[in-house]
N, C-alpha and C. Protein backbone atom coordinates (compact mmCIF):
# COMPACT_ATOMS: atom_id res chain seq x y z
N MET A 1 -13.00 20.62 21.05
CA MET A 1 -11.66 20.22 20.77
C MET A 1 -11.03 19.42 21.94
N LYS A 2 -11.28 19.88 23.16
CA LYS A 2 -10.78 19.20 24.34
C LYS A 2 -11.44 17.86 24.49
N VAL A 3 -12.71 17.75 24.19
CA VAL A 3 -13.48 16.52 24.29
C VAL A 3 -12.90 15.51 23.31
N ARG A 4 -12.59 15.98 22.08
CA ARG A 4 -12.04 15.11 21.06
C ARG A 4 -10.69 14.52 21.51
N ARG A 5 -9.83 15.31 22.15
CA ARG A 5 -8.57 14.81 22.61
C ARG A 5 -8.75 13.78 23.69
N ILE A 6 -9.68 14.02 24.60
CA ILE A 6 -9.97 13.03 25.64
C ILE A 6 -10.48 11.70 25.08
N LEU A 7 -11.35 11.80 24.07
CA LEU A 7 -11.88 10.59 23.42
C LEU A 7 -10.76 9.85 22.75
N CYS A 8 -9.83 10.54 22.06
CA CYS A 8 -8.71 9.88 21.37
C CYS A 8 -7.83 9.17 22.40
N ALA A 9 -7.56 9.89 23.52
CA ALA A 9 -6.72 9.32 24.55
C ALA A 9 -7.33 8.06 25.14
N LEU A 10 -8.64 8.08 25.37
CA LEU A 10 -9.39 6.91 25.90
C LEU A 10 -9.35 5.75 24.89
N ALA A 11 -9.50 6.09 23.58
CA ALA A 11 -9.44 5.02 22.56
C ALA A 11 -8.08 4.38 22.52
N ALA A 12 -7.01 5.18 22.56
CA ALA A 12 -5.65 4.64 22.58
C ALA A 12 -5.44 3.79 23.80
N LEU A 13 -5.93 4.22 24.96
CA LEU A 13 -5.75 3.43 26.19
C LEU A 13 -6.46 2.09 26.07
N ALA A 14 -7.67 2.08 25.45
CA ALA A 14 -8.44 0.86 25.29
C ALA A 14 -7.74 -0.10 24.38
N VAL A 15 -7.04 0.38 23.37
CA VAL A 15 -6.26 -0.46 22.45
C VAL A 15 -5.01 -0.99 23.07
N LEU A 16 -4.27 -0.10 23.72
CA LEU A 16 -2.93 -0.51 24.27
C LEU A 16 -2.96 -1.27 25.57
N THR A 17 -4.01 -1.18 26.36
CA THR A 17 -4.07 -1.87 27.63
C THR A 17 -3.99 -3.40 27.43
N PRO A 18 -4.78 -4.00 26.54
CA PRO A 18 -4.67 -5.50 26.37
C PRO A 18 -3.26 -5.89 25.86
N VAL A 19 -2.66 -5.09 25.00
CA VAL A 19 -1.34 -5.37 24.49
C VAL A 19 -0.34 -5.37 25.63
N ALA A 20 -0.40 -4.35 26.49
CA ALA A 20 0.51 -4.24 27.60
C ALA A 20 0.30 -5.37 28.57
N ALA A 21 -0.97 -5.75 28.82
CA ALA A 21 -1.30 -6.82 29.71
C ALA A 21 -0.70 -8.17 29.20
N ARG A 22 -0.82 -8.35 27.87
CA ARG A 22 -0.27 -9.59 27.32
C ARG A 22 1.25 -9.66 27.43
N SER A 23 1.86 -8.51 27.23
CA SER A 23 3.39 -8.48 27.33
C SER A 23 3.86 -8.69 28.75
N GLN A 24 3.03 -8.46 29.75
CA GLN A 24 3.37 -8.67 31.13
C GLN A 24 2.90 -10.01 31.68
N SER A 25 2.10 -10.76 30.90
CA SER A 25 1.52 -11.95 31.42
C SER A 25 2.58 -13.06 31.46
N PRO A 26 2.34 -14.05 32.36
CA PRO A 26 3.26 -15.15 32.45
C PRO A 26 3.38 -15.96 31.17
N ASP A 27 2.31 -15.88 30.32
CA ASP A 27 2.37 -16.65 29.10
C ASP A 27 3.32 -16.09 28.05
N SER A 28 3.72 -14.82 28.24
CA SER A 28 4.59 -14.17 27.23
C SER A 28 5.92 -14.86 27.13
N ALA A 29 6.47 -15.33 28.23
CA ALA A 29 7.79 -16.01 28.20
C ALA A 29 7.61 -17.37 27.48
N ALA A 30 6.52 -18.06 27.73
CA ALA A 30 6.27 -19.34 27.04
C ALA A 30 6.08 -19.09 25.57
N MET A 31 5.35 -18.02 25.24
CA MET A 31 5.09 -17.70 23.82
C MET A 31 6.42 -17.39 23.09
N MET A 32 7.28 -16.61 23.73
CA MET A 32 8.58 -16.28 23.18
C MET A 32 9.42 -17.56 23.00
N GLN A 33 9.37 -18.46 23.93
CA GLN A 33 10.08 -19.72 23.87
C GLN A 33 9.62 -20.53 22.65
N LYS A 34 8.32 -20.63 22.47
CA LYS A 34 7.77 -21.35 21.34
C LYS A 34 8.18 -20.76 19.99
N TRP A 35 8.14 -19.42 19.91
CA TRP A 35 8.56 -18.77 18.66
C TRP A 35 10.04 -19.03 18.41
N GLN A 36 10.83 -19.02 19.49
CA GLN A 36 12.27 -19.27 19.33
C GLN A 36 12.49 -20.68 18.81
N GLU A 37 11.76 -21.64 19.33
CA GLU A 37 11.88 -23.03 18.85
C GLU A 37 11.46 -23.12 17.41
N TYR A 38 10.38 -22.42 17.07
CA TYR A 38 9.81 -22.43 15.75
C TYR A 38 10.80 -21.89 14.69
N MET A 39 11.51 -20.83 15.05
CA MET A 39 12.31 -20.18 14.09
C MET A 39 13.79 -20.67 14.01
N THR A 40 14.19 -21.54 14.88
CA THR A 40 15.60 -21.97 14.99
C THR A 40 15.84 -23.21 14.11
N PRO A 41 16.78 -23.12 13.14
CA PRO A 41 17.07 -24.29 12.32
C PRO A 41 17.69 -25.39 13.24
N GLY A 42 17.38 -26.65 12.88
CA GLY A 42 17.91 -27.76 13.70
C GLY A 42 18.43 -28.91 12.81
N PRO A 43 18.52 -30.08 13.35
CA PRO A 43 19.12 -31.24 12.58
C PRO A 43 18.36 -31.50 11.26
N ALA A 44 17.07 -31.29 11.19
CA ALA A 44 16.38 -31.51 9.91
C ALA A 44 16.85 -30.58 8.84
N HIS A 45 17.09 -29.31 9.22
CA HIS A 45 17.58 -28.34 8.30
C HIS A 45 19.08 -28.65 7.88
N GLN A 46 19.81 -29.14 8.84
CA GLN A 46 21.19 -29.49 8.52
C GLN A 46 21.23 -30.70 7.56
N ALA A 47 20.27 -31.60 7.67
CA ALA A 47 20.20 -32.71 6.72
C ALA A 47 19.92 -32.22 5.30
N LEU A 48 19.06 -31.25 5.21
CA LEU A 48 18.74 -30.66 3.88
C LEU A 48 19.95 -29.94 3.28
N ALA A 49 20.70 -29.31 4.16
CA ALA A 49 21.87 -28.50 3.70
C ALA A 49 22.97 -29.38 3.07
N LYS A 50 22.94 -30.65 3.39
CA LYS A 50 23.98 -31.57 2.79
C LYS A 50 23.84 -31.64 1.23
N GLN A 51 22.71 -31.22 0.74
CA GLN A 51 22.50 -31.30 -0.70
C GLN A 51 23.01 -30.05 -1.44
N THR A 52 23.56 -29.08 -0.70
CA THR A 52 24.06 -27.89 -1.38
C THR A 52 25.21 -28.30 -2.29
N GLY A 53 25.29 -27.54 -3.40
CA GLY A 53 26.37 -27.79 -4.37
C GLY A 53 25.84 -27.91 -5.78
N ASP A 54 26.66 -28.36 -6.69
CA ASP A 54 26.33 -28.46 -8.09
C ASP A 54 26.24 -29.93 -8.52
N TRP A 55 25.21 -30.24 -9.26
CA TRP A 55 24.88 -31.61 -9.64
C TRP A 55 24.58 -31.75 -11.14
N THR A 56 24.75 -32.95 -11.67
CA THR A 56 24.24 -33.30 -13.01
C THR A 56 23.12 -34.32 -12.79
N TRP A 57 22.17 -34.36 -13.67
CA TRP A 57 21.04 -35.29 -13.55
C TRP A 57 20.65 -35.84 -14.86
N GLU A 58 20.08 -37.03 -14.79
CA GLU A 58 19.48 -37.69 -15.95
C GLU A 58 18.07 -38.15 -15.56
N LEU A 59 17.08 -37.82 -16.33
CA LEU A 59 15.71 -38.11 -16.02
C LEU A 59 15.13 -39.10 -17.05
N THR A 60 14.43 -40.08 -16.51
CA THR A 60 13.63 -41.00 -17.38
C THR A 60 12.16 -40.77 -16.93
N SER A 61 11.30 -40.51 -17.94
CA SER A 61 9.89 -40.28 -17.64
C SER A 61 9.02 -41.18 -18.51
N TRP A 62 7.85 -41.46 -18.01
CA TRP A 62 6.84 -42.26 -18.69
C TRP A 62 5.52 -41.48 -18.71
N PRO A 63 5.10 -41.00 -19.90
CA PRO A 63 3.86 -40.16 -19.94
C PRO A 63 2.60 -41.00 -19.62
N ALA A 64 2.68 -42.29 -19.72
CA ALA A 64 1.55 -43.16 -19.39
C ALA A 64 2.07 -44.56 -19.05
N PRO A 65 1.37 -45.34 -18.30
CA PRO A 65 1.80 -46.72 -18.00
C PRO A 65 2.13 -47.51 -19.27
N GLY A 66 3.31 -48.11 -19.31
CA GLY A 66 3.65 -48.89 -20.47
C GLY A 66 4.13 -48.11 -21.68
N ALA A 67 4.11 -46.78 -21.61
CA ALA A 67 4.58 -45.96 -22.72
C ALA A 67 6.11 -46.00 -22.81
N PRO A 68 6.65 -45.77 -23.98
CA PRO A 68 8.10 -45.71 -24.12
C PRO A 68 8.67 -44.64 -23.23
N ALA A 69 9.87 -44.94 -22.65
CA ALA A 69 10.52 -43.99 -21.77
C ALA A 69 11.07 -42.80 -22.55
N GLN A 70 11.00 -41.62 -21.94
CA GLN A 70 11.60 -40.40 -22.49
C GLN A 70 12.79 -40.00 -21.63
N LYS A 71 13.85 -39.59 -22.27
CA LYS A 71 15.09 -39.25 -21.54
C LYS A 71 15.36 -37.77 -21.62
N SER A 72 15.89 -37.21 -20.60
CA SER A 72 16.36 -35.81 -20.59
C SER A 72 17.47 -35.68 -19.53
N SER A 73 18.19 -34.61 -19.56
CA SER A 73 19.35 -34.38 -18.67
C SER A 73 19.57 -32.93 -18.46
N GLY A 74 20.43 -32.63 -17.45
CA GLY A 74 20.73 -31.25 -17.13
C GLY A 74 21.57 -31.09 -15.89
N THR A 75 21.49 -29.91 -15.31
CA THR A 75 22.26 -29.61 -14.14
C THR A 75 21.34 -29.03 -13.04
N MET A 76 21.83 -29.13 -11.80
CA MET A 76 21.06 -28.55 -10.71
C MET A 76 22.06 -27.93 -9.73
N SER A 77 21.73 -26.74 -9.27
CA SER A 77 22.54 -26.04 -8.25
C SER A 77 21.69 -25.84 -7.05
N ALA A 78 22.20 -26.19 -5.88
CA ALA A 78 21.44 -26.11 -4.62
C ALA A 78 22.16 -25.21 -3.61
N ARG A 79 21.41 -24.42 -2.92
CA ARG A 79 21.95 -23.52 -1.91
C ARG A 79 20.93 -23.34 -0.75
N THR A 80 21.38 -22.97 0.41
CA THR A 80 20.48 -22.66 1.52
C THR A 80 20.29 -21.14 1.56
N ILE A 81 19.13 -20.74 2.08
CA ILE A 81 18.82 -19.33 2.23
C ILE A 81 18.28 -19.09 3.65
N MET A 82 18.23 -17.82 4.03
CA MET A 82 17.64 -17.39 5.30
C MET A 82 18.22 -18.13 6.49
N GLY A 83 19.52 -18.14 6.55
CA GLY A 83 20.21 -18.70 7.70
C GLY A 83 20.09 -20.23 7.74
N GLY A 84 19.97 -20.89 6.61
CA GLY A 84 19.91 -22.32 6.59
C GLY A 84 18.55 -22.92 6.80
N ARG A 85 17.50 -22.07 6.74
CA ARG A 85 16.16 -22.52 6.99
C ARG A 85 15.50 -23.20 5.77
N TYR A 86 15.96 -22.87 4.59
CA TYR A 86 15.36 -23.46 3.37
C TYR A 86 16.45 -23.81 2.38
N LEU A 87 16.22 -24.88 1.64
CA LEU A 87 17.08 -25.30 0.56
C LEU A 87 16.44 -24.90 -0.77
N VAL A 88 17.16 -24.16 -1.61
CA VAL A 88 16.66 -23.78 -2.94
C VAL A 88 17.44 -24.53 -4.01
N GLU A 89 16.72 -25.21 -4.88
CA GLU A 89 17.36 -25.93 -5.98
C GLU A 89 16.92 -25.36 -7.30
N ASP A 90 17.91 -24.98 -8.15
CA ASP A 90 17.64 -24.48 -9.49
C ASP A 90 18.02 -25.55 -10.47
N TRP A 91 17.02 -26.07 -11.19
CA TRP A 91 17.20 -27.14 -12.20
C TRP A 91 17.17 -26.54 -13.61
N LYS A 92 18.13 -27.02 -14.45
CA LYS A 92 18.16 -26.58 -15.86
C LYS A 92 18.50 -27.76 -16.72
N GLY A 93 17.96 -27.75 -17.93
CA GLY A 93 18.28 -28.82 -18.87
C GLY A 93 17.35 -28.82 -20.05
N THR A 94 17.10 -29.97 -20.60
CA THR A 94 16.14 -30.16 -21.68
C THR A 94 15.15 -31.20 -21.31
N ALA A 95 13.93 -31.09 -21.80
CA ALA A 95 12.87 -32.04 -21.58
C ALA A 95 11.95 -32.00 -22.79
N MET A 96 11.67 -33.13 -23.35
CA MET A 96 10.81 -33.16 -24.57
C MET A 96 11.38 -32.28 -25.65
N GLU A 97 12.74 -32.26 -25.73
CA GLU A 97 13.49 -31.51 -26.73
C GLU A 97 13.22 -29.98 -26.63
N MET A 98 12.91 -29.54 -25.42
CA MET A 98 12.71 -28.08 -25.17
C MET A 98 13.59 -27.67 -23.97
N PRO A 99 14.02 -26.43 -23.91
CA PRO A 99 14.73 -25.93 -22.71
C PRO A 99 13.81 -26.05 -21.53
N PHE A 100 14.40 -26.50 -20.44
CA PHE A 100 13.65 -26.70 -19.20
C PHE A 100 14.34 -26.00 -18.03
N GLU A 101 13.51 -25.37 -17.17
CA GLU A 101 14.08 -24.85 -15.90
C GLU A 101 12.99 -24.92 -14.84
N GLY A 102 13.41 -25.26 -13.64
CA GLY A 102 12.48 -25.36 -12.52
C GLY A 102 13.18 -25.00 -11.22
N GLN A 103 12.39 -24.72 -10.20
CA GLN A 103 12.97 -24.33 -8.89
C GLN A 103 12.13 -24.97 -7.80
N ALA A 104 12.88 -25.59 -6.88
CA ALA A 104 12.26 -26.18 -5.70
C ALA A 104 12.78 -25.44 -4.46
N VAL A 105 11.86 -25.22 -3.49
CA VAL A 105 12.21 -24.69 -2.21
C VAL A 105 11.72 -25.73 -1.19
N THR A 106 12.68 -26.26 -0.43
CA THR A 106 12.37 -27.33 0.55
C THR A 106 12.76 -26.90 1.95
N GLY A 107 11.96 -27.23 2.91
CA GLY A 107 12.26 -26.86 4.29
C GLY A 107 11.64 -27.86 5.27
N TYR A 108 11.83 -27.56 6.54
CA TYR A 108 11.24 -28.35 7.59
C TYR A 108 10.50 -27.41 8.52
N ASP A 109 9.22 -27.68 8.71
CA ASP A 109 8.38 -26.83 9.59
C ASP A 109 8.50 -27.37 10.99
N ASN A 110 9.18 -26.63 11.87
CA ASN A 110 9.35 -27.04 13.24
C ASN A 110 8.09 -27.23 14.01
N ALA A 111 7.01 -26.44 13.65
CA ALA A 111 5.76 -26.59 14.36
C ALA A 111 4.96 -27.83 13.91
N LYS A 112 4.96 -28.08 12.62
CA LYS A 112 4.22 -29.26 12.09
C LYS A 112 5.03 -30.55 12.21
N LYS A 113 6.36 -30.41 12.39
CA LYS A 113 7.26 -31.60 12.47
C LYS A 113 7.20 -32.33 11.10
N LYS A 114 7.17 -31.59 10.02
CA LYS A 114 7.12 -32.19 8.68
C LYS A 114 7.99 -31.38 7.70
N TYR A 115 8.45 -32.13 6.69
CA TYR A 115 9.14 -31.45 5.60
C TYR A 115 8.11 -30.99 4.58
N PHE A 116 8.49 -29.91 3.84
CA PHE A 116 7.62 -29.44 2.79
C PHE A 116 8.47 -29.02 1.60
N SER A 117 7.84 -28.97 0.45
CA SER A 117 8.51 -28.54 -0.76
C SER A 117 7.53 -27.83 -1.69
N THR A 118 8.03 -26.83 -2.35
CA THR A 118 7.22 -26.20 -3.44
C THR A 118 8.05 -26.36 -4.76
N TRP A 119 7.32 -26.47 -5.83
CA TRP A 119 7.99 -26.61 -7.16
C TRP A 119 7.26 -25.77 -8.20
N VAL A 120 8.07 -24.99 -8.97
CA VAL A 120 7.57 -24.27 -10.12
C VAL A 120 8.52 -24.51 -11.30
N ASP A 121 8.00 -24.47 -12.49
CA ASP A 121 8.86 -24.61 -13.64
C ASP A 121 8.25 -23.92 -14.87
N ASN A 122 9.05 -23.89 -15.98
CA ASN A 122 8.60 -23.15 -17.15
C ASN A 122 7.68 -24.02 -18.05
N PHE A 123 7.32 -25.23 -17.60
CA PHE A 123 6.38 -26.00 -18.30
C PHE A 123 4.94 -25.81 -17.78
N GLY A 124 4.77 -24.81 -16.98
CA GLY A 124 3.43 -24.49 -16.42
C GLY A 124 3.46 -23.11 -15.80
N THR A 125 2.31 -22.70 -15.25
CA THR A 125 2.23 -21.45 -14.58
C THR A 125 1.70 -21.61 -13.15
N GLY A 126 1.66 -22.86 -12.67
CA GLY A 126 1.14 -23.10 -11.31
C GLY A 126 2.25 -23.58 -10.36
N ILE A 127 1.84 -24.07 -9.24
CA ILE A 127 2.84 -24.50 -8.24
C ILE A 127 2.37 -25.87 -7.66
N MET A 128 3.35 -26.67 -7.38
CA MET A 128 3.12 -27.94 -6.70
C MET A 128 3.58 -27.84 -5.27
N THR A 129 2.78 -28.25 -4.32
CA THR A 129 3.18 -28.22 -2.90
C THR A 129 3.11 -29.63 -2.39
N SER A 130 4.14 -30.00 -1.59
CA SER A 130 4.23 -31.35 -1.04
C SER A 130 4.62 -31.30 0.45
N TRP A 131 4.14 -32.30 1.17
CA TRP A 131 4.49 -32.45 2.61
C TRP A 131 4.89 -33.88 2.82
N GLY A 132 5.83 -34.09 3.77
CA GLY A 132 6.24 -35.49 4.03
C GLY A 132 7.19 -35.60 5.21
N THR A 133 7.78 -36.79 5.25
CA THR A 133 8.67 -37.17 6.35
C THR A 133 9.96 -37.74 5.81
N ARG A 134 10.93 -37.84 6.70
CA ARG A 134 12.25 -38.36 6.33
C ARG A 134 12.65 -39.49 7.25
N ASP A 135 13.14 -40.55 6.67
CA ASP A 135 13.70 -41.68 7.41
C ASP A 135 15.22 -41.48 7.42
N ASP A 136 15.77 -40.98 8.53
CA ASP A 136 17.20 -40.67 8.59
C ASP A 136 18.07 -41.93 8.44
N ALA A 137 17.61 -43.07 8.98
CA ALA A 137 18.36 -44.31 8.88
C ALA A 137 18.53 -44.71 7.43
N LYS A 138 17.47 -44.55 6.68
CA LYS A 138 17.47 -44.97 5.24
C LYS A 138 17.85 -43.84 4.30
N ARG A 139 17.97 -42.61 4.85
CA ARG A 139 18.36 -41.42 4.09
C ARG A 139 17.30 -41.20 2.97
N THR A 140 16.02 -41.46 3.33
CA THR A 140 14.96 -41.37 2.34
C THR A 140 13.85 -40.38 2.83
N MET A 141 13.37 -39.59 1.87
CA MET A 141 12.24 -38.71 2.15
C MET A 141 11.07 -39.05 1.26
N THR A 142 9.90 -39.19 1.92
CA THR A 142 8.69 -39.55 1.16
C THR A 142 7.72 -38.38 1.34
N MET A 143 7.18 -37.89 0.21
CA MET A 143 6.27 -36.73 0.26
C MET A 143 5.02 -36.99 -0.60
N SER A 144 3.96 -36.34 -0.21
CA SER A 144 2.73 -36.35 -1.00
C SER A 144 2.48 -34.91 -1.42
N GLY A 145 2.12 -34.74 -2.72
CA GLY A 145 1.95 -33.38 -3.26
C GLY A 145 0.65 -33.21 -4.03
N THR A 146 0.36 -31.97 -4.31
CA THR A 146 -0.79 -31.62 -5.13
C THR A 146 -0.44 -30.52 -6.13
N PHE A 147 -1.02 -30.66 -7.32
CA PHE A 147 -0.91 -29.58 -8.32
C PHE A 147 -2.18 -29.59 -9.14
N THR A 148 -2.43 -28.54 -9.91
CA THR A 148 -3.66 -28.49 -10.70
C THR A 148 -3.37 -29.13 -12.09
N ASP A 149 -4.18 -30.10 -12.44
CA ASP A 149 -4.05 -30.74 -13.74
C ASP A 149 -4.65 -29.84 -14.77
N PRO A 150 -3.88 -29.34 -15.78
CA PRO A 150 -4.42 -28.38 -16.75
C PRO A 150 -5.50 -29.00 -17.63
N MET A 151 -5.50 -30.32 -17.79
CA MET A 151 -6.54 -30.95 -18.65
C MET A 151 -7.94 -30.91 -17.99
N SER A 152 -7.95 -31.23 -16.67
CA SER A 152 -9.26 -31.31 -15.98
C SER A 152 -9.52 -30.11 -15.17
N GLY A 153 -8.46 -29.31 -14.82
CA GLY A 153 -8.67 -28.14 -13.93
C GLY A 153 -8.83 -28.52 -12.45
N LYS A 154 -8.63 -29.85 -12.22
CA LYS A 154 -8.79 -30.34 -10.82
C LYS A 154 -7.44 -30.62 -10.22
N ASP A 155 -7.42 -30.71 -8.87
CA ASP A 155 -6.16 -31.02 -8.18
C ASP A 155 -5.78 -32.49 -8.48
N GLN A 156 -4.51 -32.68 -8.70
CA GLN A 156 -3.95 -33.99 -8.93
C GLN A 156 -2.96 -34.31 -7.78
N THR A 157 -2.93 -35.54 -7.34
CA THR A 157 -2.01 -35.87 -6.26
C THR A 157 -0.82 -36.69 -6.81
N THR A 158 0.29 -36.51 -6.13
CA THR A 158 1.49 -37.22 -6.50
C THR A 158 2.14 -37.76 -5.20
N ARG A 159 3.01 -38.69 -5.39
CA ARG A 159 3.87 -39.20 -4.32
C ARG A 159 5.29 -39.21 -4.81
N SER A 160 6.20 -38.78 -4.00
CA SER A 160 7.64 -38.79 -4.40
C SER A 160 8.49 -39.44 -3.33
N VAL A 161 9.54 -40.06 -3.76
CA VAL A 161 10.51 -40.67 -2.87
C VAL A 161 11.91 -40.27 -3.32
N SER A 162 12.62 -39.55 -2.46
CA SER A 162 14.03 -39.21 -2.75
C SER A 162 14.94 -39.94 -1.80
N ARG A 163 16.03 -40.46 -2.33
CA ARG A 163 16.93 -41.26 -1.52
C ARG A 163 18.37 -40.86 -1.76
N GLU A 164 19.10 -40.58 -0.71
CA GLU A 164 20.52 -40.25 -0.79
C GLU A 164 21.23 -41.63 -0.89
N VAL A 165 21.81 -41.93 -2.06
CA VAL A 165 22.54 -43.18 -2.24
C VAL A 165 23.84 -43.08 -1.40
N ASP A 166 24.53 -41.95 -1.51
CA ASP A 166 25.66 -41.59 -0.70
C ASP A 166 25.78 -40.09 -0.75
N ASP A 167 26.89 -39.54 -0.29
CA ASP A 167 27.02 -38.06 -0.22
C ASP A 167 27.05 -37.42 -1.61
N ASN A 168 27.33 -38.20 -2.68
CA ASN A 168 27.50 -37.64 -3.99
C ASN A 168 26.49 -38.13 -5.02
N HIS A 169 25.46 -38.93 -4.59
CA HIS A 169 24.47 -39.45 -5.51
C HIS A 169 23.12 -39.48 -4.79
N PHE A 170 22.09 -39.11 -5.56
CA PHE A 170 20.73 -39.29 -5.02
C PHE A 170 19.79 -39.66 -6.14
N THR A 171 18.70 -40.28 -5.76
CA THR A 171 17.63 -40.62 -6.71
C THR A 171 16.35 -39.96 -6.34
N PHE A 172 15.53 -39.71 -7.31
CA PHE A 172 14.22 -39.08 -7.01
C PHE A 172 13.17 -39.78 -7.91
N GLU A 173 12.15 -40.34 -7.29
CA GLU A 173 11.09 -41.00 -8.03
C GLU A 173 9.74 -40.33 -7.79
N MET A 174 8.94 -40.17 -8.80
CA MET A 174 7.62 -39.58 -8.64
C MET A 174 6.60 -40.57 -9.19
N TYR A 175 5.46 -40.63 -8.46
CA TYR A 175 4.35 -41.50 -8.83
C TYR A 175 3.10 -40.68 -8.89
N GLY A 176 2.24 -41.06 -9.84
CA GLY A 176 0.95 -40.39 -9.98
C GLY A 176 -0.09 -41.36 -10.55
N PRO A 177 -1.34 -40.92 -10.65
CA PRO A 177 -2.36 -41.78 -11.11
C PRO A 177 -2.37 -41.96 -12.65
N GLY A 178 -2.55 -43.19 -13.10
CA GLY A 178 -2.67 -43.43 -14.52
C GLY A 178 -4.10 -43.23 -14.97
N PRO A 179 -4.43 -43.50 -16.22
CA PRO A 179 -5.80 -43.34 -16.73
C PRO A 179 -6.83 -44.17 -15.96
N ASP A 180 -6.40 -45.28 -15.40
CA ASP A 180 -7.33 -46.12 -14.61
C ASP A 180 -7.39 -45.72 -13.14
N GLY A 181 -6.64 -44.67 -12.79
CA GLY A 181 -6.65 -44.17 -11.39
C GLY A 181 -5.58 -44.86 -10.50
N LYS A 182 -4.98 -45.93 -11.04
CA LYS A 182 -3.96 -46.64 -10.24
C LYS A 182 -2.63 -45.87 -10.34
N GLU A 183 -1.85 -45.94 -9.25
CA GLU A 183 -0.56 -45.26 -9.22
C GLU A 183 0.43 -45.95 -10.08
N TYR A 184 1.24 -45.18 -10.79
CA TYR A 184 2.38 -45.73 -11.49
C TYR A 184 3.56 -44.72 -11.46
N LYS A 185 4.77 -45.22 -11.73
CA LYS A 185 5.94 -44.34 -11.66
C LYS A 185 5.97 -43.45 -12.91
N THR A 186 5.90 -42.16 -12.71
CA THR A 186 5.87 -41.20 -13.85
C THR A 186 7.29 -40.74 -14.25
N MET A 187 8.21 -40.76 -13.26
CA MET A 187 9.60 -40.34 -13.60
C MET A 187 10.58 -40.77 -12.53
N GLU A 188 11.86 -40.81 -12.94
CA GLU A 188 12.91 -41.13 -12.06
C GLU A 188 14.15 -40.30 -12.44
N ILE A 189 14.79 -39.69 -11.42
CA ILE A 189 15.98 -38.91 -11.66
C ILE A 189 17.16 -39.61 -10.98
N GLN A 190 18.28 -39.65 -11.68
CA GLN A 190 19.55 -40.10 -11.08
C GLN A 190 20.44 -38.86 -11.10
N ALA A 191 20.91 -38.46 -9.94
CA ALA A 191 21.73 -37.23 -9.81
C ALA A 191 23.11 -37.57 -9.24
N GLU A 192 24.10 -36.83 -9.75
CA GLU A 192 25.49 -37.02 -9.28
C GLU A 192 26.11 -35.68 -9.03
N ARG A 193 26.77 -35.58 -7.85
CA ARG A 193 27.42 -34.30 -7.54
C ARG A 193 28.63 -34.06 -8.49
N LYS A 194 28.73 -32.82 -8.97
CA LYS A 194 29.91 -32.50 -9.81
C LYS A 194 31.16 -32.55 -8.99
N SER A 195 32.25 -33.10 -9.55
CA SER A 195 33.53 -33.21 -8.80
C SER A 195 34.31 -31.92 -8.94
């Protein structure tokens, strides 16, 4: 019994010694500084927060190059979460004469120095993830995304461009590959802040 206690004590010492050494090392202050920088919202997050509020939107979509345009409309409500680190957008309306709802979560990764967005909606059971950059002077964000195409089961790529026309209007354009593999505009949204 005494031998077992000694072995347990030695095992605990072997596990805790490296942890204690790391916490006392000169690198621990640098590590804490990096984590602090990583977790602190900055100007990029403040730029995203400007989109908080309630909006109306009109969407024009093209199921294929040269196909007749389809129209839909609805509302969007945006809020920040987790101390301003992420922007959550809840979209509702109609599309293809059916009720539509979707949710986007957008943020800025301080470590990667890139914006990201995830998108889910009731027209599927998957998720689209996008990464990109923002041109503050032009108030434009350009992102590249991927989602699984249900027809082929393979990843499909998209490109999106969102532009703040002013504080109360923004546009969103999405591009994807057509049947010939060439990129074409699949949809465009015109959004206006509710007064």
